[in-house]
């Protein structure tokens, strides 16, 4: 997966979590997303797309 694909991947995950009623922690647990990986994905996304 190249950098642009990773950004789109994480953007989709963030949108799914936002539209769910779950906390970030519960969403990650339910979707077997490692918190460290999700934090790294978030950091990469936010650096590219602030605000």
C-alpha atoms as a PDB file:
ATOM      1  CA  UNK A   1       0.000   0.000   0.000  1.00  0.00           C
ATOM      2  CA  UNK A   2       1.501   3.318  -0.989  1.00  0.00           C
ATOM      3  CA  UNK A   3       1.297   6.484   1.095  1.00  0.00           C
ATOM      4  CA  UNK A   4      -1.810   7.859  -0.634  1.00  0.00           C
ATOM      5  CA  UNK A   5      -3.612   4.527  -0.227  1.00  0.00           C
ATOM      6  CA  UNK A   6      -2.718   4.464   3.480  1.00  0.00           C
ATOM      7  CA  UNK A   7      -4.141   7.958   3.928  1.00  0.00           C
ATOM      8  CA  UNK A   8      -7.398   6.953   2.222  1.00  0.00           C
ATOM      9  CA  UNK A   9      -7.504   3.739   4.259  1.00  0.00           C
ATOM     10  CA  UNK A  10      -7.184   5.570   7.580  1.00  0.00           C
ATOM     11  CA  UNK A  11      -9.537   8.317   6.485  1.00  0.00           C
ATOM     12  CA  UNK A  12     -12.183   5.665   5.882  1.00  0.00           C
ATOM     13  CA  UNK A  13     -11.558   4.122   9.286  1.00  0.00           C
ATOM     14  CA  UNK A  14     -11.824   7.530  11.003  1.00  0.00           C
ATOM     15  CA  UNK A  15     -15.093   8.240   9.226  1.00  0.00           C
ATOM     16  CA  UNK A  16     -16.484   4.852  10.268  1.00  0.00           C
ATOM     17  CA  UNK A  17     -15.590   5.509  13.894  1.00  0.00           C
ATOM     18  CA  UNK A  18     -17.063   9.011  13.836  1.00  0.00           C
ATOM     19  CA  UNK A  19     -20.366   7.744  12.443  1.00  0.00           C
ATOM     20  CA  UNK A  20     -20.543   4.923  14.968  1.00  0.00           C
ATOM     21  CA  UNK A  21     -21.760   5.293  18.533  1.00  0.00           C
ATOM     22  CA  UNK A  22     -18.604   3.623  19.845  1.00  0.00           C
ATOM     23  CA  UNK A  23     -15.702   5.215  21.645  1.00  0.00           C
ATOM     24  CA  UNK A  24     -12.379   5.088  19.834  1.00  0.00           C
ATOM     25  CA  UNK A  25     -11.185   2.374  22.205  1.00  0.00           C
ATOM     26  CA  UNK A  26     -14.288   0.227  21.709  1.00  0.00           C
ATOM     27  CA  UNK A  27     -14.254   0.760  17.941  1.00  0.00           C
ATOM     28  CA  UNK A  28     -10.627  -0.373  17.800  1.00  0.00           C
ATOM     29  CA  UNK A  29     -11.393  -3.431  19.915  1.00  0.00           C
ATOM     30  CA  UNK A  30     -14.429  -4.387  17.852  1.00  0.00           C
ATOM     31  CA  UNK A  31     -12.499  -3.968  14.613  1.00  0.00           C
ATOM     32  CA  UNK A  32      -9.284  -5.527  15.934  1.00  0.00           C
ATOM     33  CA  UNK A  33      -7.329  -2.356  15.298  1.00  0.00           C
ATOM     34  CA  UNK A  34      -4.177  -2.141  17.350  1.00  0.00           C
ATOM     35  CA  UNK A  35      -4.233   1.173  19.217  1.00  0.00           C
ATOM     36  CA  UNK A  36      -0.593   1.880  18.457  1.00  0.00           C
ATOM     37  CA  UNK A  37      -1.209   1.348  14.756  1.00  0.00           C
ATOM     38  CA  UNK A  38      -4.318   3.510  14.836  1.00  0.00           C
ATOM     39  CA  UNK A  39      -2.366   6.287  16.561  1.00  0.00           C
ATOM     40  CA  UNK A  40       0.355   6.061  13.923  1.00  0.00           C
ATOM     41  CA  UNK A  41      -2.269   6.143  11.186  1.00  0.00           C
ATOM     42  CA  UNK A  42      -3.938   9.129  12.804  1.00  0.00           C
ATOM     43  CA  UNK A  43      -0.635  10.967  13.077  1.00  0.00           C
ATOM     44  CA  UNK A  44       0.191  10.363   9.435  1.00  0.00           C
ATOM     45  CA  UNK A  45      -3.277  11.460   8.376  1.00  0.00           C
ATOM     46  CA  UNK A  46      -3.314  14.593  10.522  1.00  0.00           C
ATOM     47  CA  UNK A  47       0.115  15.684   9.293  1.00  0.00           C
ATOM     48  CA  UNK A  48      -1.190  15.510   5.722  1.00  0.00           C
ATOM     49  CA  UNK A  49      -4.657  16.887   6.483  1.00  0.00           C
ATOM     50  CA  UNK A  50      -4.579  19.283   9.444  1.00  0.00           C
ATOM     51  CA  UNK A  51      -7.940  20.541  10.643  1.00  0.00           C
END
